[in-house]
C-alpha atoms as a PDB file:
ATOM      1  CA  MET A   1      18.736   8.006 -63.047  1.00  0.00           C
ATOM      2  CA  ALA A   2      15.572   9.948 -62.332  1.00  0.00           C
ATOM      3  CA  GLY A   3      14.517  12.223 -65.150  1.00  0.00           C
ATOM      4  CA  CYS A   4      16.748  10.752 -67.834  1.00  0.00           C
ATOM      5  CA  THR A   5      16.185   7.812 -70.140  1.00  0.00           C
ATOM      6  CA  PRO A   6      19.286   5.562 -70.214  1.00  0.00           C
ATOM      7  CA  VAL A   7      19.740   2.961 -72.908  1.00  0.00           C
ATOM      8  CA  ALA A   8      20.246  -0.712 -72.038  1.00  0.00           C
ATOM      9  CA  SER A   9      22.040  -1.065 -68.723  1.00  0.00           C
ATOM     10  CA  SER A  10      24.718  -3.243 -70.282  1.00  0.00           C
ATOM     11  CA  PHE A  11      25.959  -0.312 -72.358  1.00  0.00           C
ATOM     12  CA  GLN A  12      29.213   1.112 -71.086  1.00  0.00           C
ATOM     13  CA  ALA A  13      29.622   4.876 -71.357  1.00  0.00           C
ATOM     14  CA  ALA A  14      31.651   5.523 -74.479  1.00  0.00           C
ATOM     15  CA  GLN A  15      34.608   7.820 -74.557  1.00  0.00           C
ATOM     16  CA  PRO A  16      34.289  10.848 -76.839  1.00  0.00           C
ATOM     17  CA  ALA A  17      35.751  10.442 -80.290  1.00  0.00           C
ATOM     18  CA  SER A  18      39.484  11.068 -79.975  1.00  0.00           C
ATOM     19  CA  ASP A  19      39.332  14.126 -82.216  1.00  0.00           C
ATOM     20  CA  TYR A  20      36.903  15.806 -79.825  1.00  0.00           C
ATOM     21  CA  ALA A  21      37.954  14.466 -76.404  1.00  0.00           C
ATOM     22  CA  GLY A  22      40.009  17.553 -75.591  1.00  0.00           C
ATOM     23  CA  LEU A  23      37.214  19.866 -76.716  1.00  0.00           C
ATOM     24  CA  LEU A  24      34.648  18.040 -74.592  1.00  0.00           C
ATOM     25  CA  HIS A  25      36.905  18.067 -71.546  1.00  0.00           C
ATOM     26  CA  ALA A  26      37.408  21.814 -71.931  1.00  0.00           C
ATOM     27  CA  ALA A  27      33.667  22.345 -72.384  1.00  0.00           C
ATOM     28  CA  GLU A  28      33.017  20.412 -69.171  1.00  0.00           C
ATOM     29  CA  GLN A  29      35.521  22.516 -67.255  1.00  0.00           C
ATOM     30  CA  ALA A  30      34.150  25.753 -68.689  1.00  0.00           C
ATOM     31  CA  ALA A  31      30.511  24.859 -68.018  1.00  0.00           C
ATOM     32  CA  ALA A  32      31.401  23.833 -64.465  1.00  0.00           C
ATOM     33  CA  ALA A  33      33.081  27.203 -63.913  1.00  0.00           C
ATOM     34  CA  GLY A  34      29.980  29.013 -65.137  1.00  0.00           C
ATOM     35  CA  ALA A  35      27.651  26.773 -63.133  1.00  0.00           C
ATOM     36  CA  LYS A  36      29.640  27.512 -59.970  1.00  0.00           C
ATOM     37  CA  VAL A  37      28.924  31.209 -60.443  1.00  0.00           C
ATOM     38  CA  VAL A  38      25.219  30.529 -60.979  1.00  0.00           C
ATOM     39  CA  TRP A  39      25.037  28.162 -58.009  1.00  0.00           C
ATOM     40  CA  GLU A  40      26.605  30.694 -55.647  1.00  0.00           C
ATOM     41  CA  ALA A  41      24.112  33.361 -56.787  1.00  0.00           C
ATOM     42  CA  ALA A  42      21.009  31.152 -56.917  1.00  0.00           C
ATOM     43  CA  ASP A  43      19.451  32.206 -53.606  1.00  0.00           C
ATOM     44  CA  LYS A  44      20.895  35.708 -53.330  1.00  0.00           C
ATOM     45  CA  PRO A  45      19.359  39.081 -54.266  1.00  0.00           C
ATOM     46  CA  ARG A  46      19.600  39.912 -57.995  1.00  0.00           C
ATOM     47  CA  ASN A  47      21.000  43.036 -59.608  1.00  0.00           C
ATOM     48  CA  ILE A  48      18.833  43.098 -62.736  1.00  0.00           C
ATOM     49  CA  MET A  49      19.456  45.184 -65.853  1.00  0.00           C
ATOM     50  CA  TYR A  50      17.330  45.361 -68.993  1.00  0.00           C
ATOM     51  CA  LYS A  51      18.357  44.892 -72.634  1.00  0.00           C
ATOM     52  CA  GLY A  52      14.799  45.715 -73.731  1.00  0.00           C
ATOM     53  CA  THR A  53      11.356  46.150 -72.227  1.00  0.00           C
ATOM     54  CA  THR A  54      11.274  42.588 -70.872  1.00  0.00           C
ATOM     55  CA  ASP A  55      14.642  41.118 -71.956  1.00  0.00           C
ATOM     56  CA  LEU A  56      16.847  41.191 -68.893  1.00  0.00           C
ATOM     57  CA  VAL A  57      20.368  40.364 -67.808  1.00  0.00           C
ATOM     58  CA  THR A  58      22.009  39.998 -64.411  1.00  0.00           C
ATOM     59  CA  GLU A  59      25.506  40.330 -63.051  1.00  0.00           C
ATOM     60  CA  THR A  60      25.457  36.556 -62.778  1.00  0.00           C
ATOM     61  CA  ASP A  61      25.086  36.191 -66.576  1.00  0.00           C
ATOM     62  CA  LYS A  62      28.116  38.388 -67.112  1.00  0.00           C
ATOM     63  CA  LYS A  63      30.294  36.835 -64.415  1.00  0.00           C
ATOM     64  CA  SER A  64      29.409  33.333 -65.586  1.00  0.00           C
ATOM     65  CA  GLU A  65      30.424  34.185 -69.154  1.00  0.00           C
ATOM     66  CA  GLU A  66      33.687  35.702 -67.949  1.00  0.00           C
ATOM     67  CA  GLU A  67      34.562  32.525 -66.050  1.00  0.00           C
ATOM     68  CA  ILE A  68      33.614  30.293 -68.984  1.00  0.00           C
ATOM     69  CA  LEU A  69      35.671  32.285 -71.479  1.00  0.00           C
ATOM     70  CA  GLN A  70      38.628  32.425 -69.116  1.00  0.00           C
ATOM     71  CA  VAL A  71      38.753  28.628 -69.161  1.00  0.00           C
ATOM     72  CA  LEU A  72      38.294  28.363 -72.924  1.00  0.00           C
ATOM     73  CA  THR A  73      40.704  31.106 -73.969  1.00  0.00           C
ATOM     74  CA  SER A  74      43.400  29.700 -71.697  1.00  0.00           C
ATOM     75  CA  LYS A  75      43.191  26.438 -73.638  1.00  0.00           C
ATOM     76  CA  PHE A  76      42.317  27.608 -77.139  1.00  0.00           C
ATOM     77  CA  ALA A  77      43.678  31.090 -77.693  1.00  0.00           C
ATOM     78  CA  ASP A  78      43.494  30.565 -81.467  1.00  0.00           C
ATOM     79  CA  HIS A  79      39.754  29.731 -81.508  1.00  0.00           C
ATOM     80  CA  ALA A  80      36.784  32.043 -82.066  1.00  0.00           C
ATOM     81  CA  PHE A  81      34.127  32.694 -79.414  1.00  0.00           C
ATOM     82  CA  LEU A  82      30.505  33.847 -79.460  1.00  0.00           C
ATOM     83  CA  GLY A  83      28.940  34.669 -76.112  1.00  0.00           C
ATOM     84  CA  GLU A  84      25.448  35.958 -75.486  1.00  0.00           C
ATOM     85  CA  GLU A  85      26.717  38.830 -73.387  1.00  0.00           C
ATOM     86  CA  GLY A  86      30.127  39.589 -74.900  1.00  0.00           C
ATOM     87  CA  GLY A  87      29.539  38.865 -78.573  1.00  0.00           C
ATOM     88  CA  VAL A  88      32.325  37.746 -80.892  1.00  0.00           C
ATOM     89  CA  SER A  89      35.966  37.513 -79.819  1.00  0.00           C
ATOM     90  CA  GLY A  90      39.093  35.528 -80.613  1.00  0.00           C
ATOM     91  CA  ASN A  91      40.449  34.454 -83.985  1.00  0.00           C
ATOM     92  CA  PRO A  92      37.886  35.076 -86.769  1.00  0.00           C
ATOM     93  CA  ASP A  93      39.774  32.752 -89.123  1.00  0.00           C
ATOM     94  CA  SER A  94      39.531  29.725 -86.855  1.00  0.00           C
ATOM     95  CA  PRO A  95      37.345  26.796 -87.998  1.00  0.00           C
ATOM     96  CA  TYR A  96      36.415  26.397 -84.309  1.00  0.00           C
ATOM     97  CA  LEU A  97      33.691  28.615 -82.856  1.00  0.00           C
ATOM     98  CA  TRP A  98      32.616  28.300 -79.222  1.00  0.00           C
ATOM     99  CA  CYS A  99      29.005  29.326 -78.562  1.00  0.00           C
ATOM    100  CA  VAL A 100      28.308  30.174 -74.931  1.00  0.00           C
ATOM    101  CA  ASP A 101      25.102  30.918 -73.065  1.00  0.00           C
ATOM    102  CA  PRO A 102      26.290  31.645 -69.527  1.00  0.00           C
ATOM    103  CA  LEU A 103      22.760  31.580 -68.095  1.00  0.00           C
ATOM    104  CA  ASP A 104      20.023  30.301 -70.369  1.00  0.00           C
ATOM    105  CA  GLY A 105      16.672  31.111 -68.793  1.00  0.00           C
ATOM    106  CA  THR A 106      17.689  34.322 -67.038  1.00  0.00           C
ATOM    107  CA  THR A 107      14.077  35.284 -66.362  1.00  0.00           C
ATOM    108  CA  ASN A 108      13.528  31.958 -64.590  1.00  0.00           C
ATOM    109  CA  PHE A 109      16.727  32.496 -62.613  1.00  0.00           C
ATOM    110  CA  THR A 110      15.692  35.966 -61.442  1.00  0.00           C
ATOM    111  CA  HIS A 111      12.391  34.551 -60.184  1.00  0.00           C
ATOM    112  CA  SER A 112      14.031  31.414 -58.707  1.00  0.00           C
ATOM    113  CA  TYR A 113      11.852  29.402 -61.054  1.00  0.00           C
ATOM    114  CA  PRO A 114      13.314  26.256 -62.636  1.00  0.00           C
ATOM    115  CA  SER A 115      14.579  25.580 -65.073  1.00  0.00           C
ATOM    116  CA  PHE A 116      17.682  27.397 -66.272  1.00  0.00           C
ATOM    117  CA  GLY A 117      21.181  26.352 -67.181  1.00  0.00           C
ATOM    118  CA  VAL A 118      24.673  26.968 -68.501  1.00  0.00           C
ATOM    119  CA  SER A 119      25.342  25.974 -72.106  1.00  0.00           C
ATOM    120  CA  VAL A 120      28.748  25.538 -73.773  1.00  0.00           C
ATOM    121  CA  GLY A 121      29.159  24.118 -77.260  1.00  0.00           C
ATOM    122  CA  VAL A 122      31.781  24.263 -79.995  1.00  0.00           C
ATOM    123  CA  LEU A 123      31.433  24.172 -83.765  1.00  0.00           C
ATOM    124  CA  HIS A 124      34.046  22.838 -86.142  1.00  0.00           C
ATOM    125  CA  GLN A 125      33.498  24.167 -89.641  1.00  0.00           C
ATOM    126  CA  GLY A 126      29.924  24.961 -88.705  1.00  0.00           C
ATOM    127  CA  GLN A 127      29.018  21.602 -87.160  1.00  0.00           C
ATOM    128  CA  PRO A 128      28.595  21.037 -83.382  1.00  0.00           C
ATOM    129  CA  VAL A 129      31.258  18.613 -82.147  1.00  0.00           C
ATOM    130  CA  ALA A 130      31.291  18.928 -78.352  1.00  0.00           C
ATOM    131  CA  ALA A 131      28.602  20.085 -75.947  1.00  0.00           C
ATOM    132  CA  VAL A 132      27.837  20.511 -72.256  1.00  0.00           C
ATOM    133  CA  VAL A 133      24.705  21.823 -70.556  1.00  0.00           C
ATOM    134  CA  VAL A 134      24.383  22.115 -66.787  1.00  0.00           C
ATOM    135  CA  GLU A 135      20.681  22.226 -65.907  1.00  0.00           C
ATOM    136  CA  PHE A 136      19.440  23.715 -62.636  1.00  0.00           C
ATOM    137  CA  SER A 137      16.197  22.364 -61.221  1.00  0.00           C
ATOM    138  CA  GLY A 138      14.548  22.251 -57.826  1.00  0.00           C
ATOM    139  CA  GLY A 139      14.000  25.610 -56.150  1.00  0.00           C
ATOM    140  CA  PRO A 140      15.247  27.960 -53.431  1.00  0.00           C
ATOM    141  CA  GLY A 141      17.219  25.970 -50.886  1.00  0.00           C
ATOM    142  CA  THR A 142      16.785  22.741 -52.851  1.00  0.00           C
ATOM    143  CA  TRP A 143      18.684  23.383 -56.093  1.00  0.00           C
ATOM    144  CA  VAL A 144      20.121  20.366 -57.876  1.00  0.00           C
ATOM    145  CA  THR A 145      21.948  20.080 -61.194  1.00  0.00           C
ATOM    146  CA  ARG A 146      22.165  17.627 -64.065  1.00  0.00           C
ATOM    147  CA  THR A 147      25.080  17.716 -66.467  1.00  0.00           C
ATOM    148  CA  TYR A 148      24.470  16.723 -70.081  1.00  0.00           C
ATOM    149  CA  THR A 149      27.450  15.981 -72.334  1.00  0.00           C
ATOM    150  CA  ALA A 150      27.935  14.959 -75.949  1.00  0.00           C
ATOM    151  CA  SER A 151      30.652  14.687 -78.558  1.00  0.00           C
ATOM    152  CA  LYS A 152      30.241  14.051 -82.249  1.00  0.00           C
ATOM    153  CA  GLY A 153      30.182  10.300 -82.796  1.00  0.00           C
ATOM    154  CA  GLY A 154      30.429   9.658 -79.047  1.00  0.00           C
ATOM    155  CA  GLY A 155      26.811   9.691 -77.900  1.00  0.00           C
ATOM    156  CA  SER A 156      24.889  11.783 -75.370  1.00  0.00           C
ATOM    157  CA  TYR A 157      24.979  11.427 -71.591  1.00  0.00           C
ATOM    158  CA  CYS A 158      23.264  12.761 -68.501  1.00  0.00           C
ATOM    159  CA  ASN A 159      25.410  12.593 -65.366  1.00  0.00           C
ATOM    160  CA  GLY A 160      27.515   9.958 -67.115  1.00  0.00           C
ATOM    161  CA  GLN A 161      24.671   7.682 -68.213  1.00  0.00           C
ATOM    162  CA  ARG A 162      23.861   7.220 -71.905  1.00  0.00           C
ATOM    163  CA  ILE A 163      20.571   8.836 -72.934  1.00  0.00           C
ATOM    164  CA  HIS A 164      18.285   8.540 -75.931  1.00  0.00           C
ATOM    165  CA  VAL A 165      15.352  10.443 -77.370  1.00  0.00           C
ATOM    166  CA  SER A 166      11.892   9.022 -76.777  1.00  0.00           C
ATOM    167  CA  SER A 167      10.410   6.422 -79.095  1.00  0.00           C
ATOM    168  CA  ALA A 168       7.095   8.286 -79.409  1.00  0.00           C
ATOM    169  CA  GLU A 169       5.603   7.989 -82.878  1.00  0.00           C
ATOM    170  CA  GLN A 170       2.144   9.485 -82.476  1.00  0.00           C
ATOM    171  CA  LEU A 171       1.479  13.168 -81.906  1.00  0.00           C
ATOM    172  CA  GLU A 172      -1.607  12.282 -79.883  1.00  0.00           C
ATOM    173  CA  ARG A 173       0.553  10.437 -77.342  1.00  0.00           C
ATOM    174  CA  SER A 174       3.327  13.012 -77.123  1.00  0.00           C
ATOM    175  CA  LEU A 175       4.356  15.740 -74.707  1.00  0.00           C
ATOM    176  CA  LEU A 176       5.855  18.755 -76.487  1.00  0.00           C
ATOM    177  CA  VAL A 177       7.752  21.880 -75.520  1.00  0.00           C
ATOM    178  CA  THR A 178       8.183  25.250 -77.213  1.00  0.00           C
ATOM    179  CA  GLY A 179       9.314  28.800 -76.509  1.00  0.00           C
ATOM    180  CA  PHE A 180       8.534  32.396 -77.407  1.00  0.00           C
ATOM    181  CA  GLY A 181      11.024  35.202 -78.007  1.00  0.00           C
ATOM    182  CA  TYR A 182      10.829  38.725 -76.653  1.00  0.00           C
ATOM    183  CA  GLU A 183       9.917  40.279 -80.000  1.00  0.00           C
ATOM    184  CA  HIS A 184       6.221  39.931 -80.767  1.00  0.00           C
ATOM    185  CA  ASP A 185       6.551  39.773 -84.541  1.00  0.00           C
ATOM    186  CA  ALA A 186       4.838  37.655 -87.209  1.00  0.00           C
ATOM    187  CA  ALA A 187       6.861  34.576 -86.235  1.00  0.00           C
ATOM    188  CA  TRP A 188       5.733  34.977 -82.627  1.00  0.00           C
ATOM    189  CA  ALA A 189       2.102  35.205 -83.761  1.00  0.00           C
ATOM    190  CA  THR A 190       2.514  32.131 -85.958  1.00  0.00           C
ATOM    191  CA  ASN A 191       3.908  30.204 -83.028  1.00  0.00           C
ATOM    192  CA  ILE A 192       0.886  31.146 -80.934  1.00  0.00           C
ATOM    193  CA  GLU A 193      -1.247  29.425 -83.557  1.00  0.00           C
ATOM    194  CA  LEU A 194       1.061  26.398 -83.603  1.00  0.00           C
ATOM    195  CA  PHE A 195       0.877  26.298 -79.821  1.00  0.00           C
ATOM    196  CA  LYS A 196      -2.908  26.189 -80.019  1.00  0.00           C
ATOM    197  CA  HIS A 197      -2.826  23.437 -82.642  1.00  0.00           C
ATOM    198  CA  PHE A 198      -0.362  21.196 -80.825  1.00  0.00           C
ATOM    199  CA  THR A 199      -2.090  21.754 -77.482  1.00  0.00           C
ATOM    200  CA  ASP A 200      -5.268  20.448 -79.088  1.00  0.00           C
ATOM    201  CA  LYS A 201      -3.628  17.499 -80.883  1.00  0.00           C
ATOM    202  CA  SER A 202      -1.020  16.294 -78.374  1.00  0.00           C
ATOM    203  CA  GLN A 203      -1.063  15.314 -74.716  1.00  0.00           C
ATOM    204  CA  GLY A 204       0.172  18.793 -73.879  1.00  0.00           C
ATOM    205  CA  VAL A 205       2.658  21.573 -74.645  1.00  0.00           C
ATOM    206  CA  ARG A 206       5.012  23.024 -72.039  1.00  0.00           C
ATOM    207  CA  ARG A 207       6.840  26.353 -72.119  1.00  0.00           C
ATOM    208  CA  LEU A 208       9.875  26.285 -69.810  1.00  0.00           C
ATOM    209  CA  GLY A 209      11.715  29.382 -71.026  1.00  0.00           C
ATOM    210  CA  ALA A 210      15.198  27.906 -71.583  1.00  0.00           C
ATOM    211  CA  ALA A 211      15.967  26.511 -75.043  1.00  0.00           C
ATOM    212  CA  ALA A 212      19.136  24.682 -73.983  1.00  0.00           C
ATOM    213  CA  VAL A 213      17.189  22.852 -71.277  1.00  0.00           C
ATOM    214  CA  ASP A 214      14.326  22.129 -73.685  1.00  0.00           C
ATOM    215  CA  LEU A 215      16.751  20.383 -76.029  1.00  0.00           C
ATOM    216  CA  CYS A 216      18.273  18.417 -73.147  1.00  0.00           C
ATOM    217  CA  HIS A 217      14.808  17.207 -72.224  1.00  0.00           C
ATOM    218  CA  VAL A 218      14.271  16.025 -75.783  1.00  0.00           C
ATOM    219  CA  ALA A 219      17.654  14.284 -75.730  1.00  0.00           C
ATOM    220  CA  CYS A 220      16.874  12.332 -72.570  1.00  0.00           C
ATOM    221  CA  GLY A 221      13.256  11.569 -73.446  1.00  0.00           C
ATOM    222  CA  LEU A 222      11.567  13.745 -70.830  1.00  0.00           C
ATOM    223  CA  VAL A 223       9.628  15.376 -73.673  1.00  0.00           C
ATOM    224  CA  ASP A 224       9.058  14.078 -77.170  1.00  0.00           C
ATOM    225  CA  ALA A 225       9.684  17.161 -79.338  1.00  0.00           C
ATOM    226  CA  TYR A 226      10.663  20.834 -79.224  1.00  0.00           C
ATOM    227  CA  TRP A 227      10.106  23.652 -81.706  1.00  0.00           C
ATOM    228  CA  GLU A 228      10.696  27.397 -81.666  1.00  0.00           C
ATOM    229  CA  PHE A 229      11.258  30.506 -83.774  1.00  0.00           C
ATOM    230  CA  SER A 230      13.919  33.194 -83.271  1.00  0.00           C
ATOM    231  CA  ILE A 231      16.381  31.100 -81.320  1.00  0.00           C
ATOM    232  CA  LYS A 232      20.050  32.143 -81.336  1.00  0.00           C
ATOM    233  CA  PRO A 233      23.313  30.178 -81.719  1.00  0.00           C
ATOM    234  CA  TRP A 234      24.258  30.316 -78.046  1.00  0.00           C
ATOM    235  CA  ASP A 235      20.796  28.976 -77.141  1.00  0.00           C
ATOM    236  CA  VAL A 236      21.077  25.785 -79.157  1.00  0.00           C
ATOM    237  CA  THR A 237      24.634  24.823 -80.167  1.00  0.00           C
ATOM    238  CA  ALA A 238      25.131  22.413 -77.266  1.00  0.00           C
ATOM    239  CA  GLY A 239      21.547  21.163 -77.250  1.00  0.00           C
ATOM    240  CA  VAL A 240      21.458  20.343 -80.949  1.00  0.00           C
ATOM    241  CA  LEU A 241      24.410  17.976 -80.603  1.00  0.00           C
ATOM    242  CA  LEU A 242      22.877  16.398 -77.506  1.00  0.00           C
ATOM    243  CA  VAL A 243      19.696  15.625 -79.460  1.00  0.00           C
ATOM    244  CA  THR A 244      21.364  14.248 -82.580  1.00  0.00           C
ATOM    245  CA  GLU A 245      23.815  12.120 -80.593  1.00  0.00           C
ATOM    246  CA  ALA A 246      20.842  10.799 -78.630  1.00  0.00           C
ATOM    247  CA  GLY A 247      19.253   9.557 -81.854  1.00  0.00           C
ATOM    248  CA  GLY A 248      17.046  12.542 -82.621  1.00  0.00           C
ATOM    249  CA  VAL A 249      16.526  14.649 -85.737  1.00  0.00           C
ATOM    250  CA  VAL A 250      16.947  18.424 -85.920  1.00  0.00           C
ATOM    251  CA  THR A 251      15.870  20.638 -88.852  1.00  0.00           C
ATOM    252  CA  THR A 252      14.354  24.041 -89.423  1.00  0.00           C
ATOM    253  CA  LEU A 253      10.577  24.329 -89.147  1.00  0.00           C
ATOM    254  CA  GLU A 254      10.486  24.104 -92.940  1.00  0.00           C
ATOM    255  CA  GLY A 255      12.354  20.800 -92.851  1.00  0.00           C
ATOM    256  CA  LYS A 256      15.629  22.188 -94.189  1.00  0.00           C
ATOM    257  CA  PRO A 257      19.042  20.988 -92.931  1.00  0.00           C
ATOM    258  CA  TYR A 258      19.796  22.816 -89.706  1.00  0.00           C
ATOM    259  CA  THR A 259      22.643  25.110 -88.731  1.00  0.00           C
ATOM    260  CA  VAL A 260      22.800  26.792 -85.333  1.00  0.00           C
ATOM    261  CA  PHE A 261      22.453  30.147 -87.099  1.00  0.00           C
ATOM    262  CA  ASP A 262      18.990  29.326 -88.453  1.00  0.00           C
ATOM    263  CA  ARG A 263      16.025  31.160 -86.939  1.00  0.00           C
ATOM    264  CA  SER A 264      13.700  28.202 -86.521  1.00  0.00           C
ATOM    265  CA  ILE A 265      14.167  24.739 -85.111  1.00  0.00           C
ATOM    266  CA  VAL A 266      12.338  21.472 -84.544  1.00  0.00           C
ATOM    267  CA  ALA A 267      13.927  18.586 -82.634  1.00  0.00           C
ATOM    268  CA  ALA A 268      12.331  15.185 -82.052  1.00  0.00           C
ATOM    269  CA  GLY A 269      12.699  11.454 -82.474  1.00  0.00           C
ATOM    270  CA  PRO A 270      12.905  10.244 -86.096  1.00  0.00           C
ATOM    271  CA  THR A 271       9.240   9.308 -86.587  1.00  0.00           C
ATOM    272  CA  LEU A 272       7.603  12.064 -84.578  1.00  0.00           C
ATOM    273  CA  HIS A 273       9.802  14.666 -86.255  1.00  0.00           C
ATOM    274  CA  GLY A 274       8.003  14.112 -89.546  1.00  0.00           C
ATOM    275  CA  HIS A 275       4.603  14.530 -87.916  1.00  0.00           C
ATOM    276  CA  ILE A 276       5.688  17.857 -86.391  1.00  0.00           C
ATOM    277  CA  LEU A 277       6.932  19.058 -89.773  1.00  0.00           C
ATOM    278  CA  ASP A 278       3.600  18.163 -91.370  1.00  0.00           C
ATOM    279  CA  VAL A 279       2.126  20.930 -89.203  1.00  0.00           C
ATOM    280  CA  THR A 280       4.941  23.520 -89.107  1.00  0.00           C
ATOM    281  CA  LYS A 281       6.209  23.485 -92.685  1.00  0.00           C
ATOM    282  CA  GLY A 282       3.286  25.297 -94.332  1.00  0.00           C
ATOM    283  CA  PRO A 283       2.954  28.167 -91.821  1.00  0.00           C
ATOM    284  CA  THR A 284       6.716  28.712 -91.824  1.00  0.00           C
ATOM    285  CA  GLN A 285       6.852  28.858 -95.617  1.00  0.00           C
ATOM    286  CA  GLN A 286       3.964  31.317 -95.509  1.00  0.00           C
ATOM    287  CA  LEU A 287       5.921  33.508 -93.100  1.00  0.00           C
ATOM    288  CA  ARG A 288       8.797  33.602 -95.576  1.00  0.00           C
ATOM    289  CA  LYS A 289       6.439  34.573 -98.411  1.00  0.00           C
ATOM    290  CA  GLN A 290       5.094  37.389 -96.251  1.00  0.00           C
ATOM    291  CA  GLY A 291       8.591  38.805 -95.838  1.00  0.00           C
ATOM    292  CA  GLN A 292       9.572  37.436 -92.427  1.00  0.00           C
ATOM    293  CA  ASP A 293      13.361  37.247 -92.298  1.00  0.00           C
ATOM    294  CA  LEU A 294      14.319  33.613 -91.705  1.00  0.00           C
ATOM    295  CA  SER A 295      17.876  33.884 -93.020  1.00  0.00           C
ATOM    296  CA  PRO A 296      20.834  32.863 -90.816  1.00  0.00           C
ATOM    297  CA  TRP A 297      21.780  35.414 -88.169  1.00  0.00           C
ATOM    298  CA  PHE A 298      24.520  36.119 -85.630  1.00  0.00           C
ATOM    299  CA  VAL A 299      27.074  34.590 -88.006  1.00  0.00           C
ATOM    300  CA  PRO A 300      30.504  36.020 -87.088  1.00  0.00           C
ATOM    301  CA  LYS A 301      32.058  37.987 -89.913  1.00  0.00           C
ATOM    302  CA  GLY A 302      34.073  35.684 -92.163  1.00  0.00           C
ATOM    303  CA  TYR A 303      32.788  32.498 -90.557  1.00  0.00           C
ATOM    304  CA  LYS A 304      31.888  29.918 -93.195  1.00  0.00           C
ATOM    305  CA  LEU A 305      28.571  28.122 -92.839  1.00  0.00           C
ATOM    306  CA  PRO A 306      28.417  24.465 -93.848  1.00  0.00           C
ATOM    307  CA  GLU A 307      26.927  23.905 -97.279  1.00  0.00           C
ATOM    308  CA  SER A 308      23.375  22.563 -97.332  1.00  0.00           C
END
């Protein structure tokens, strides 16, 4: 399939691990419901509101999240939920936490600029176990979608075909992707310097503006690695599982074991990942020494993080 890197053609698409099949099916239904909302609004005028000077939200974000949560709560009333727009809801004592980004890449969406997507992922005791991202690409009048799915132990897929991270081993022969948050703090400034470094040392660095899509592109081998500061759980929960089930490695920019509540991330194939860390580890540790808060955030009250 164009744009994705399938493994050997003889491989038959695996079924999700039985423990997570129901979760993945629900995630697919929920993401499809959200994507339908986005699709219907893609070429229509936007009603834009602002959460900050440049951080914006549309009615589409909110309606998409409502449709997603309606599907999930109808199936799992005893689970907990974390949505970008609505925050925390549901049962705070549940070991299951759904993390939902109803429209990742809202700025791209408002400008009809690809790419953007709908991201639905679920944690069990802090670990991602089922994930779906619906990516929108193309442009006005020519929108198309790709659906990425993964379950823990069941592999990663794009439109039903098994995908794998790239086999790139050398930074000099790699295409990278990163992102920048709305807050121009010390982490943002550090990432500008990392952007300069990697642009000089690699074949190029892209900035798409949608973390969930960035991670999907790592998972299917379109790009070789992704890194970013100040990402949030709803941005990455689905994408992290897609990368790891596609054979990739995900840690913090300091090389520590990753949780979706961490504030920095690097995702790549096994060999290239180490080369990225060789560059990012020192500056990130320096940020911490300078007082930059890199502790977990957006953790629902009472939710237990997995032990490192």
